[in-house]
Protein backbone atom coordinates (compact mmCIF):
# COMPACT_ATOMS: atom_id res chain seq x y z
CA MET A 1 93.43 75.24 140.47
CA THR A 2 96.77 74.64 138.80
CA ARG A 3 98.25 76.94 136.21
CA SER A 4 97.65 74.32 133.55
CA GLN A 5 93.96 74.14 134.44
CA GLN A 6 93.70 77.94 134.37
CA ILE A 7 95.23 78.02 130.90
CA ASN A 8 92.85 75.32 129.70
CA ASN A 9 89.90 77.27 131.10
CA ILE A 10 91.00 80.42 129.30
CA ILE A 11 91.41 78.53 126.04
CA GLU A 12 87.95 76.97 126.40
CA LYS A 13 86.40 80.38 127.02
CA ARG A 14 88.05 81.81 123.91
CA GLN A 15 87.02 79.02 121.56
CA PRO A 16 83.57 80.51 120.77
CA LEU A 17 85.24 83.80 119.82
CA VAL A 18 87.74 81.99 117.63
CA LYS A 19 84.88 80.13 115.90
CA ARG A 20 83.00 83.38 115.26
CA ILE A 21 86.16 84.95 113.83
CA GLU A 22 86.74 81.94 111.57
CA ASN A 23 83.13 82.10 110.35
CA ALA A 24 83.49 85.81 109.59
CA GLU A 25 86.70 85.08 107.66
CA VAL A 26 84.96 82.46 105.55
CA GLN A 27 82.06 84.80 104.81
CA LEU A 28 84.41 87.63 103.82
CA GLN A 29 86.37 85.30 101.55
CA LYS A 30 83.13 84.21 99.86
CA LEU A 31 82.10 87.83 99.48
CA GLY A 32 85.45 88.64 97.91
CA LEU A 33 85.02 85.85 95.36
CA GLU A 34 81.50 86.99 94.54
CA LEU A 35 82.72 90.54 94.01
CA GLN A 36 85.41 89.25 91.67
CA THR A 37 82.74 87.41 89.69
CA LEU A 38 80.56 90.52 89.53
CA ALA A 39 83.47 92.64 88.31
CA GLN A 40 84.26 90.08 85.61
CA GLU A 41 80.61 89.90 84.54
CA ARG A 42 80.40 93.69 84.33
CA ASP A 43 83.57 93.84 82.23
CA GLU A 44 82.38 91.05 79.92
CA LEU A 45 79.00 92.70 79.40
CA SER A 46 80.76 95.93 78.54
CA LEU A 47 83.18 94.26 76.12
CA ARG A 48 80.42 92.35 74.36
CA GLY A 49 78.46 95.57 73.93
CA GLU A 50 75.46 94.17 75.76
CA LEU A 51 75.00 97.32 77.81
CA ASP A 52 72.94 99.44 75.46
CA ASP A 53 71.64 101.77 78.15
CA PRO A 54 74.26 104.50 78.72
CA GLU A 55 72.89 105.31 82.18
CA LEU A 56 73.16 101.68 83.25
CA ARG A 57 76.67 101.48 81.83
CA ALA A 58 77.67 104.61 83.76
CA GLN A 59 76.15 103.30 86.99
CA LEU A 60 77.97 99.99 86.66
CA LYS A 61 81.27 101.75 85.98
CA LYS A 62 80.87 103.72 89.21
CA ILE A 63 81.10 100.55 91.30
CA ASP A 64 84.67 100.42 92.57
CA PHE A 65 85.22 96.71 93.11
CA THR A 66 88.95 97.22 93.70
CA THR A 67 88.38 99.43 96.74
CA ILE A 68 85.81 97.03 98.13
CA GLN A 69 88.24 94.13 97.63
CA ARG A 70 90.97 96.06 99.45
CA GLU A 71 88.62 96.69 102.35
CA ILE A 72 87.79 92.99 102.53
CA VAL A 73 91.48 92.10 102.57
CA SER A 74 92.04 94.66 105.33
CA GLU A 75 89.20 93.19 107.38
CA LEU A 76 90.55 89.68 106.84
CA ARG A 77 93.95 90.78 108.16
CA ALA A 78 92.33 92.36 111.20
CA LEU A 79 90.33 89.20 111.89
CA ASP A 80 93.44 87.08 111.48
CA ASN A 81 95.28 89.23 114.01
CA LEU A 82 92.33 89.07 116.40
CA ARG A 83 92.16 85.28 116.08
CA LYS A 84 95.90 84.96 116.72
CA ASP A 85 95.68 87.28 119.73
CA SER A 86 92.80 85.25 121.12
CA LEU A 87 94.86 82.09 120.95
CA VAL A 88 98.23 83.50 121.98
CA ARG A 89 97.44 85.76 124.93
CA LEU A 90 97.41 83.60 127.97
């Protein structure tokens, strides 16, 4: 088997991993957008005074969307690095 064939075989074997990584990236990006929407909704409800229940208001304020968003960004970076490594290391 030539070196070129070996490289092609390695690339073919890594394609399923790359696809799984890409799917995970898409899902995390969607999750990030949904969290943004939830944070905006929470803030709008609070501003409009539609949260009459103080306990509910307190519980909603406890949700730290910023930290969750940072974790998503961190995971996206890690997946990006993993995807690049999977394609580059030959």
